[in-house]
Structures are given as C-alpha cells and as structure tokens.
Amino acid sequence: MSTEPSNELAQFHSYVAACLERGEVLTPEDVLDRWRLEHPSHEEFEESVEAIRQALADMDAGNIGVPLAEFDRRFRERHGLS
C-alpha cells in the first residue's frame, strides 16, 4: 500500500525475485495479479475493511446467511456429492 512509486517498484522487484527463488512458474500477468491481490491500493483496502465491518454488523443484527447444514446440503446436491 505504498504511495511512493520507486519504493513500490523495488518491493515488486523483490516480490518477483522471491517467487522465482521458490521455483514458482508464473506468467508476468499472474505475478502482477498476485501482487495486486496481496498489496491492495489504499482505496481497495478501505473498501475491504468497510465490507467486513458491514458483514459483522449484519451478523450482530442477526442478518446472517444460510445455516451451514443448509449450505452443505445445497452444495452437495449441486455438485452430485453424497
């Protein structure tokens, strides 16, 4: 979430080097996608925090999704699992 472009570029360079050292076989697009996922912009980070806050508020208010047993039943039915 750095705002300094040269610092961010150095961090990205280190990230790519670490991927290569681990022997990961990724396309340049894959590496960039993963970098962006792991290093969101300030705006993306704030949006995620707000979404989590809203989900927690919904949960506190009793507005939760389907119970696990119901989800499990639907999932298994949809995917032909017993």
C-alpha atoms as a PDB file:
ATOM      1  CA  MET A   1       0.000   0.000   0.000  1.00  0.00           C
ATOM      2  CA  SER A   2       2.962   2.268  -0.553  1.00  0.00           C
ATOM      3  CA  THR A   3       2.339   5.584  -2.261  1.00  0.00           C
ATOM      4  CA  GLU A   4       5.960   6.123  -3.336  1.00  0.00           C
ATOM      5  CA  PRO A   5       6.295   4.647  -6.872  1.00  0.00           C
ATOM      6  CA  SER A   6      10.040   3.934  -6.681  1.00  0.00           C
ATOM      7  CA  ASN A   7       9.605   2.171  -3.334  1.00  0.00           C
ATOM      8  CA  GLU A   8       6.678   0.172  -4.670  1.00  0.00           C
ATOM      9  CA  LEU A   9       8.684  -0.837  -7.730  1.00  0.00           C
ATOM     10  CA  ALA A  10      11.564  -2.017  -5.520  1.00  0.00           C
ATOM     11  CA  GLN A  11       9.115  -4.017  -3.402  1.00  0.00           C
ATOM     12  CA  PHE A  12       7.578  -5.548  -6.534  1.00  0.00           C
ATOM     13  CA  HIS A  13      11.046  -6.436  -7.806  1.00  0.00           C
ATOM     14  CA  SER A  14      11.766  -8.238  -4.519  1.00  0.00           C
ATOM     15  CA  TYR A  15       8.393  -9.976  -4.729  1.00  0.00           C
ATOM     16  CA  VAL A  16       9.137 -11.278  -8.240  1.00  0.00           C
ATOM     17  CA  ALA A  17      12.600 -12.421  -7.119  1.00  0.00           C
ATOM     18  CA  ALA A  18      11.071 -14.308  -4.180  1.00  0.00           C
ATOM     19  CA  CYS A  19       8.587 -16.029  -6.496  1.00  0.00           C
ATOM     20  CA  LEU A  20      11.429 -17.112  -8.758  1.00  0.00           C
ATOM     21  CA  GLU A  21      13.534 -18.312  -5.813  1.00  0.00           C
ATOM     22  CA  ARG A  22      10.625 -20.508  -4.694  1.00  0.00           C
ATOM     23  CA  GLY A  23      10.558 -22.020  -8.168  1.00  0.00           C
ATOM     24  CA  GLU A  24       7.102 -20.729  -8.966  1.00  0.00           C
ATOM     25  CA  VAL A  25       6.273 -20.827 -12.662  1.00  0.00           C
ATOM     26  CA  LEU A  26       4.064 -17.825 -13.332  1.00  0.00           C
ATOM     27  CA  THR A  27       3.410 -15.584 -16.274  1.00  0.00           C
ATOM     28  CA  PRO A  28       4.172 -11.890 -15.810  1.00  0.00           C
ATOM     29  CA  GLU A  29       0.415 -11.258 -15.701  1.00  0.00           C
ATOM     30  CA  ASP A  30      -0.022 -13.889 -12.970  1.00  0.00           C
ATOM     31  CA  VAL A  31       2.719 -12.332 -10.849  1.00  0.00           C
ATOM     32  CA  LEU A  32       1.200  -8.874 -11.250  1.00  0.00           C
ATOM     33  CA  ASP A  33      -2.288 -10.183 -10.389  1.00  0.00           C
ATOM     34  CA  ARG A  34      -0.970 -11.863  -7.243  1.00  0.00           C
ATOM     35  CA  TRP A  35       0.987  -8.735  -6.282  1.00  0.00           C
ATOM     36  CA  ARG A  36      -2.121  -6.604  -6.620  1.00  0.00           C
ATOM     37  CA  LEU A  37      -4.166  -9.088  -4.599  1.00  0.00           C
ATOM     38  CA  GLU A  38      -1.590  -9.157  -1.802  1.00  0.00           C
ATOM     39  CA  HIS A  39      -0.839  -5.404  -1.947  1.00  0.00           C
ATOM     40  CA  PRO A  40      -4.145  -3.606  -2.495  1.00  0.00           C
ATOM     41  CA  SER A  41      -4.317   0.137  -3.026  1.00  0.00           C
ATOM     42  CA  HIS A  42      -5.377   2.278  -0.096  1.00  0.00           C
ATOM     43  CA  GLU A  43      -8.853   2.630  -1.640  1.00  0.00           C
ATOM     44  CA  GLU A  44      -9.228  -1.134  -2.154  1.00  0.00           C
ATOM     45  CA  PHE A  45      -8.069  -1.767   1.406  1.00  0.00           C
ATOM     46  CA  GLU A  46     -10.581   0.726   2.809  1.00  0.00           C
ATOM     47  CA  GLU A  47     -13.381  -0.839   0.737  1.00  0.00           C
ATOM     48  CA  SER A  48     -12.499  -4.275   2.100  1.00  0.00           C
ATOM     49  CA  VAL A  49     -12.443  -3.003   5.684  1.00  0.00           C
ATOM     50  CA  GLU A  50     -15.855  -1.375   5.214  1.00  0.00           C
ATOM     51  CA  ALA A  51     -17.289  -4.572   3.697  1.00  0.00           C
ATOM     52  CA  ILE A  52     -16.039  -6.569   6.690  1.00  0.00           C
ATOM     53  CA  ARG A  53     -17.488  -4.018   9.107  1.00  0.00           C
ATOM     54  CA  GLN A  54     -20.846  -4.220   7.331  1.00  0.00           C
ATOM     55  CA  ALA A  55     -20.801  -8.023   7.376  1.00  0.00           C
ATOM     56  CA  LEU A  56     -20.037  -8.024  11.105  1.00  0.00           C
ATOM     57  CA  ALA A  57     -22.831  -5.521  11.746  1.00  0.00           C
ATOM     58  CA  ASP A  58     -25.236  -7.706   9.740  1.00  0.00           C
ATOM     59  CA  MET A  59     -24.147 -10.720  11.730  1.00  0.00           C
ATOM     60  CA  ASP A  60     -24.625  -8.862  15.038  1.00  0.00           C
ATOM     61  CA  ALA A  61     -28.100  -7.827  13.876  1.00  0.00           C
ATOM     62  CA  GLY A  62     -28.986 -11.447  13.136  1.00  0.00           C
ATOM     63  CA  ASN A  63     -28.901 -10.991   9.362  1.00  0.00           C
ATOM     64  CA  ILE A  64     -26.722 -13.997   8.623  1.00  0.00           C
ATOM     65  CA  GLY A  65     -26.697 -16.220   5.577  1.00  0.00           C
ATOM     66  CA  VAL A  66     -27.878 -19.801   5.382  1.00  0.00           C
ATOM     67  CA  PRO A  67     -27.010 -22.215   8.171  1.00  0.00           C
ATOM     68  CA  LEU A  68     -24.039 -24.474   7.445  1.00  0.00           C
ATOM     69  CA  ALA A  69     -26.207 -27.592   7.257  1.00  0.00           C
ATOM     70  CA  GLU A  70     -28.397 -25.980   4.591  1.00  0.00           C
ATOM     71  CA  PHE A  71     -25.391 -24.744   2.621  1.00  0.00           C
ATOM     72  CA  ASP A  72     -23.807 -28.195   2.843  1.00  0.00           C
ATOM     73  CA  ARG A  73     -26.983 -29.877   1.583  1.00  0.00           C
ATOM     74  CA  ARG A  74     -27.317 -27.468  -1.363  1.00  0.00           C
ATOM     75  CA  PHE A  75     -23.625 -27.680  -2.229  1.00  0.00           C
ATOM     76  CA  ARG A  76     -23.627 -31.468  -2.231  1.00  0.00           C
ATOM     77  CA  GLU A  77     -26.810 -31.565  -4.288  1.00  0.00           C
ATOM     78  CA  ARG A  78     -25.469 -29.078  -6.828  1.00  0.00           C
ATOM     79  CA  HIS A  79     -22.204 -30.987  -7.235  1.00  0.00           C
ATOM     80  CA  GLY A  80     -23.589 -34.526  -7.084  1.00  0.00           C
ATOM     81  CA  LEU A  81     -21.857 -35.381  -3.824  1.00  0.00           C
ATOM     82  CA  SER A  82     -23.204 -37.752  -1.202  1.00  0.00           C
END
